[in-house]
Amino acid sequence: MIADLVAQIRAVPIAAVLELGSVLVCVLLFLGTLVLLSSGPPTGRGDLWLALIGLGTAFVVFWTVLVPLYERTL
């Protein structure tokens, strides 16, 4: 089973990195949201909230704009 998974990852390493990176970003966004929600509402400029929103925005733009553009050029 693990050998099959390793073989699939070796067959398409770029796609595997993108997918595993996406899972990592989603986990970080989820944990970051939980931490920020537990700390209460933002005070002042809310720099941590803006960083979390910026990361989420970059993630969405990557998958909805950059990946389809790349796939069209193949």
Protein backbone atom coordinates (compact mmCIF):
# COMPACT_ATOMS: atom_id res chain seq x y z
CA MET A 1 0.00 0.00 0.00
CA ILE A 2 2.72 2.49 0.91
CA ALA A 3 4.77 1.35 -2.08
CA ASP A 4 1.81 2.15 -4.35
CA LEU A 5 1.50 5.60 -2.83
CA VAL A 6 5.22 6.29 -3.29
CA ALA A 7 5.01 5.09 -6.88
CA GLN A 8 2.09 7.43 -7.59
CA ILE A 9 3.96 10.36 -6.05
CA ARG A 10 7.06 9.61 -8.11
CA ALA A 11 4.96 9.43 -11.27
CA VAL A 12 3.71 13.02 -10.85
CA PRO A 13 5.98 14.82 -8.35
CA ILE A 14 4.81 18.36 -9.16
CA ALA A 15 1.16 17.47 -8.67
CA ALA A 16 2.01 15.65 -5.44
CA VAL A 17 3.85 18.69 -4.07
CA LEU A 18 0.93 20.96 -5.01
CA GLU A 19 -1.62 18.69 -3.37
CA LEU A 20 0.38 18.07 -0.20
CA GLY A 21 1.20 21.78 0.02
CA SER A 22 -2.49 22.59 -0.31
CA VAL A 23 -3.34 20.25 2.54
CA LEU A 24 -0.67 21.91 4.67
CA VAL A 25 -1.96 25.41 3.86
CA CYS A 26 -5.53 24.37 4.69
CA VAL A 27 -4.43 22.94 8.03
CA LEU A 28 -2.45 26.12 8.81
CA LEU A 29 -5.43 28.31 7.89
CA PHE A 30 -7.73 26.24 10.08
CA LEU A 31 -5.38 26.23 13.07
CA GLY A 32 -4.61 29.93 12.61
CA THR A 33 -8.30 30.74 12.58
CA LEU A 34 -8.89 28.73 15.75
CA VAL A 35 -5.98 30.43 17.53
CA LEU A 36 -7.11 33.90 16.48
CA LEU A 37 -10.72 33.23 17.42
CA SER A 38 -9.66 32.00 20.85
CA SER A 39 -7.66 35.18 21.43
CA GLY A 40 -10.74 37.34 21.01
CA PRO A 41 -11.67 40.04 18.54
CA PRO A 42 -8.85 41.93 16.85
CA THR A 43 -7.66 45.12 18.48
CA GLY A 44 -5.88 47.93 16.71
CA ARG A 45 -4.91 47.09 13.15
CA GLY A 46 -5.38 43.32 13.57
CA ASP A 47 -2.12 42.40 11.83
CA LEU A 48 -2.47 38.68 12.50
CA TRP A 49 -5.99 38.63 11.11
CA LEU A 50 -4.80 40.48 7.99
CA ALA A 51 -1.96 37.98 7.55
CA LEU A 52 -4.40 35.08 7.81
CA ILE A 53 -6.75 36.67 5.29
CA GLY A 54 -3.83 37.41 2.97
CA LEU A 55 -2.66 33.80 3.10
CA GLY A 56 -6.16 32.54 2.36
CA THR A 57 -6.53 34.99 -0.51
CA ALA A 58 -3.20 33.97 -2.03
CA PHE A 59 -4.21 30.32 -1.74
CA VAL A 60 -7.52 30.90 -3.53
CA VAL A 61 -5.93 33.02 -6.27
CA PHE A 62 -3.29 30.35 -6.82
CA TRP A 63 -5.84 27.58 -7.38
CA THR A 64 -8.45 29.61 -9.29
CA VAL A 65 -6.18 31.70 -11.53
CA LEU A 66 -2.61 30.45 -11.74
CA VAL A 67 -3.17 26.69 -11.92
CA PRO A 68 -5.81 26.91 -14.71
CA LEU A 69 -3.55 29.27 -16.68
CA TYR A 70 -0.67 26.84 -16.31
CA GLU A 71 -2.85 23.91 -17.41
CA ARG A 72 -3.95 25.78 -20.53
CA THR A 73 -0.34 26.24 -21.61
CA LEU A 74 0.35 22.49 -21.48
